[in-house]
Protein backbone atom coordinates (compact mmCIF):
# COMPACT_ATOMS: atom_id res chain seq x y z
CA UNK A 1 62.45 80.44 59.15
CA UNK A 2 61.97 83.68 61.09
CA UNK A 3 65.55 84.18 62.22
CA UNK A 4 67.54 86.96 60.58
CA UNK A 5 71.19 87.99 60.85
CA UNK A 6 70.01 91.02 62.84
CA UNK A 7 67.98 88.93 65.29
CA UNK A 8 70.87 86.50 65.80
CA UNK A 9 73.24 89.43 66.45
CA UNK A 10 70.79 90.98 68.94
CA UNK A 11 70.50 87.66 70.78
CA UNK A 12 74.29 87.28 70.90
CA UNK A 13 74.65 90.79 72.35
CA UNK A 14 71.88 90.25 74.91
CA UNK A 15 73.23 86.94 76.17
CA UNK A 16 76.95 87.69 76.29
CA UNK A 17 78.89 88.96 79.29
CA UNK A 18 80.25 92.44 78.64
CA UNK A 19 83.12 93.20 81.02
CA UNK A 20 83.36 96.88 81.91
CA UNK A 21 85.67 98.93 79.77
CA UNK A 22 87.62 101.93 80.94
CA UNK A 23 85.30 104.65 82.21
CA UNK A 24 82.15 102.54 82.23
CA UNK A 25 82.04 101.84 85.99
CA UNK A 26 81.90 105.61 86.57
CA UNK A 27 79.00 105.91 84.12
CA UNK A 28 77.17 103.08 85.90
CA UNK A 29 77.66 104.84 89.23
CA UNK A 30 76.40 108.16 87.86
CA UNK A 31 73.26 106.51 86.53
CA UNK A 32 72.66 104.63 89.79
CA UNK A 33 73.20 107.80 91.85
CA UNK A 34 70.63 109.77 89.84
CA UNK A 35 68.21 106.83 89.95
CA UNK A 36 68.61 106.61 93.72
CA UNK A 37 68.08 110.37 94.05
CA UNK A 38 64.79 110.13 92.17
CA UNK A 39 63.77 106.95 94.03
CA UNK A 40 64.29 108.70 97.36
CA UNK A 41 62.20 111.66 96.17
CA UNK A 42 59.40 109.33 95.05
CA UNK A 43 59.62 107.52 98.41
CA UNK A 44 59.14 110.81 100.28
CA UNK A 45 56.52 112.46 98.07
CA UNK A 46 54.36 109.67 96.68
CA UNK A 47 51.85 108.00 98.97
CA UNK A 48 52.41 104.33 99.68
CA UNK A 49 50.49 102.62 96.91
CA UNK A 50 50.65 100.24 94.00
CA UNK A 51 51.46 103.22 91.79
CA UNK A 52 54.45 104.21 93.95
CA UNK A 53 55.69 100.63 93.88
CA UNK A 54 55.37 100.57 90.10
CA UNK A 55 57.17 103.91 89.80
CA UNK A 56 60.08 102.56 91.85
CA UNK A 57 60.14 99.25 89.97
CA UNK A 58 60.12 100.97 86.60
CA UNK A 59 62.81 103.42 87.70
CA UNK A 60 64.95 100.46 88.75
CA UNK A 61 64.34 98.90 85.34
CA UNK A 62 65.19 102.15 83.56
CA UNK A 63 68.56 102.37 85.33
CA UNK A 64 69.23 98.70 84.64
CA UNK A 65 68.49 99.14 80.94
CA UNK A 66 70.56 102.33 80.76
CA UNK A 67 73.49 100.44 82.28
CA UNK A 68 72.89 97.59 79.83
CA UNK A 69 73.03 100.07 76.95
CA UNK A 70 76.40 101.31 78.19
CA UNK A 71 77.69 97.76 78.66
CA UNK A 72 76.46 96.49 75.31
CA UNK A 73 76.97 99.50 73.07
CA UNK A 74 79.10 102.00 74.96
């Protein structure tokens, strides 16, 4: 068996709804605002290309994962 207590805990955290606690919605908004600021800069400065699309996709993912970190562990 490959399952461990740590892996089961990680799965439980990943697949459980985490309602926002006091102060968290403001943190989410700050992260989204900075992500949007950078996304807009990339949109203006980077030529339309696969690489620009990947930069925007990965920025979106980074903000999503940062918000998940706050929700799950904040």
